Amino acid sequence: MIRNDQTLFVSEAEVEAAWEWVDRIINGWKSKNTKPVGYESGTAGPVEAIEMLARDGRRWNRSE
């Protein structure tokens, strides 16, 4: 039962920590004047994701 089971909910400190993490990402986008790249649901993702990994000599592991 959900009622009175605090283990099923995050604490205020956890919520604040999560927002600090997300805020750093958003502020990074703002400082570079960029936005997240969208892509159609069900696809492999945007080409920019492949290019980002390739800059470090990496690639997505696809087991298709």
C-alpha atoms as a PDB file:
ATOM      1  CA  MET A   1       0.000   0.000   0.000  1.00  0.00           C
ATOM      2  CA  ILE A   2       1.257   3.469  -0.864  1.00  0.00           C
ATOM      3  CA  ARG A   3      -0.231   5.288   2.100  1.00  0.00           C
ATOM      4  CA  ASN A   4       2.394   6.152   4.730  1.00  0.00           C
ATOM      5  CA  ASP A   5       5.193   4.261   2.952  1.00  0.00           C
ATOM      6  CA  GLN A   6       7.876   6.943   2.590  1.00  0.00           C
ATOM      7  CA  THR A   7      10.226   4.499   0.828  1.00  0.00           C
ATOM      8  CA  LEU A   8       8.079   4.940  -2.277  1.00  0.00           C
ATOM      9  CA  PHE A   9       8.850   8.662  -2.503  1.00  0.00           C
ATOM     10  CA  VAL A  10      12.022  10.698  -2.938  1.00  0.00           C
ATOM     11  CA  SER A  11      13.103  13.093  -0.233  1.00  0.00           C
ATOM     12  CA  GLU A  12      13.288  16.843  -0.634  1.00  0.00           C
ATOM     13  CA  ALA A  13      17.092  16.576  -0.675  1.00  0.00           C
ATOM     14  CA  GLU A  14      16.935  14.060  -3.550  1.00  0.00           C
ATOM     15  CA  VAL A  15      14.642  16.333  -5.564  1.00  0.00           C
ATOM     16  CA  GLU A  16      16.950  19.311  -4.977  1.00  0.00           C
ATOM     17  CA  ALA A  17      20.007  17.260  -6.011  1.00  0.00           C
ATOM     18  CA  ALA A  18      18.252  16.128  -9.190  1.00  0.00           C
ATOM     19  CA  TRP A  19      17.372  19.721 -10.115  1.00  0.00           C
ATOM     20  CA  GLU A  20      20.945  20.868  -9.488  1.00  0.00           C
ATOM     21  CA  TRP A  21      22.107  18.222 -11.968  1.00  0.00           C
ATOM     22  CA  VAL A  22      19.474  19.159 -14.564  1.00  0.00           C
ATOM     23  CA  ASP A  23      20.098  22.886 -14.082  1.00  0.00           C
ATOM     24  CA  ARG A  24      23.777  22.415 -14.976  1.00  0.00           C
ATOM     25  CA  ILE A  25      22.761  20.788 -18.267  1.00  0.00           C
ATOM     26  CA  ILE A  26      20.245  23.530 -19.074  1.00  0.00           C
ATOM     27  CA  ASN A  27      22.752  26.251 -18.182  1.00  0.00           C
ATOM     28  CA  GLY A  28      25.313  24.576 -20.448  1.00  0.00           C
ATOM     29  CA  TRP A  29      22.872  24.711 -23.338  1.00  0.00           C
ATOM     30  CA  LYS A  30      22.118  28.362 -22.604  1.00  0.00           C
ATOM     31  CA  SER A  31      25.797  29.343 -22.380  1.00  0.00           C
ATOM     32  CA  LYS A  32      26.458  27.790 -25.788  1.00  0.00           C
ATOM     33  CA  ASN A  33      23.174  29.102 -27.223  1.00  0.00           C
ATOM     34  CA  THR A  34      22.075  25.590 -28.189  1.00  0.00           C
ATOM     35  CA  LYS A  35      18.992  23.456 -27.698  1.00  0.00           C
ATOM     36  CA  PRO A  36      18.489  19.702 -27.350  1.00  0.00           C
ATOM     37  CA  VAL A  37      18.211  17.962 -30.706  1.00  0.00           C
ATOM     38  CA  GLY A  38      14.874  16.289 -31.277  1.00  0.00           C
ATOM     39  CA  TYR A  39      14.265  13.079 -33.157  1.00  0.00           C
ATOM     40  CA  GLU A  40      11.328  10.911 -34.104  1.00  0.00           C
ATOM     41  CA  SER A  41      10.223   8.311 -31.584  1.00  0.00           C
ATOM     42  CA  GLY A  42      11.294   4.786 -32.486  1.00  0.00           C
ATOM     43  CA  THR A  43      14.327   5.879 -34.480  1.00  0.00           C
ATOM     44  CA  ALA A  44      17.991   5.360 -33.599  1.00  0.00           C
ATOM     45  CA  GLY A  45      18.273   9.001 -32.565  1.00  0.00           C
ATOM     46  CA  PRO A  46      19.713  12.107 -34.133  1.00  0.00           C
ATOM     47  CA  VAL A  47      22.800  12.069 -36.333  1.00  0.00           C
ATOM     48  CA  GLU A  48      24.343  14.523 -33.858  1.00  0.00           C
ATOM     49  CA  ALA A  49      24.481  11.747 -31.231  1.00  0.00           C
ATOM     50  CA  ILE A  50      26.535   9.540 -33.562  1.00  0.00           C
ATOM     51  CA  GLU A  51      28.813  12.468 -34.415  1.00  0.00           C
ATOM     52  CA  MET A  52      29.292  13.342 -30.730  1.00  0.00           C
ATOM     53  CA  LEU A  53      30.511   9.846 -29.891  1.00  0.00           C
ATOM     54  CA  ALA A  54      32.668   9.636 -33.023  1.00  0.00           C
ATOM     55  CA  ARG A  55      34.653  12.708 -31.884  1.00  0.00           C
ATOM     56  CA  ASP A  56      35.993  10.538 -29.034  1.00  0.00           C
ATOM     57  CA  GLY A  57      36.462   7.453 -31.224  1.00  0.00           C
ATOM     58  CA  ARG A  58      33.323   5.804 -29.843  1.00  0.00           C
ATOM     59  CA  ARG A  59      30.103   4.456 -31.302  1.00  0.00           C
ATOM     60  CA  TRP A  60      26.751   3.156 -30.132  1.00  0.00           C
ATOM     61  CA  ASN A  61      26.643  -0.581 -29.451  1.00  0.00           C
ATOM     62  CA  ARG A  62      23.820  -1.889 -31.576  1.00  0.00           C
ATOM     63  CA  SER A  63      22.885  -5.544 -31.204  1.00  0.00           C
ATOM     64  CA  GLU A  64      20.271  -5.503 -33.975  1.00  0.00           C
END
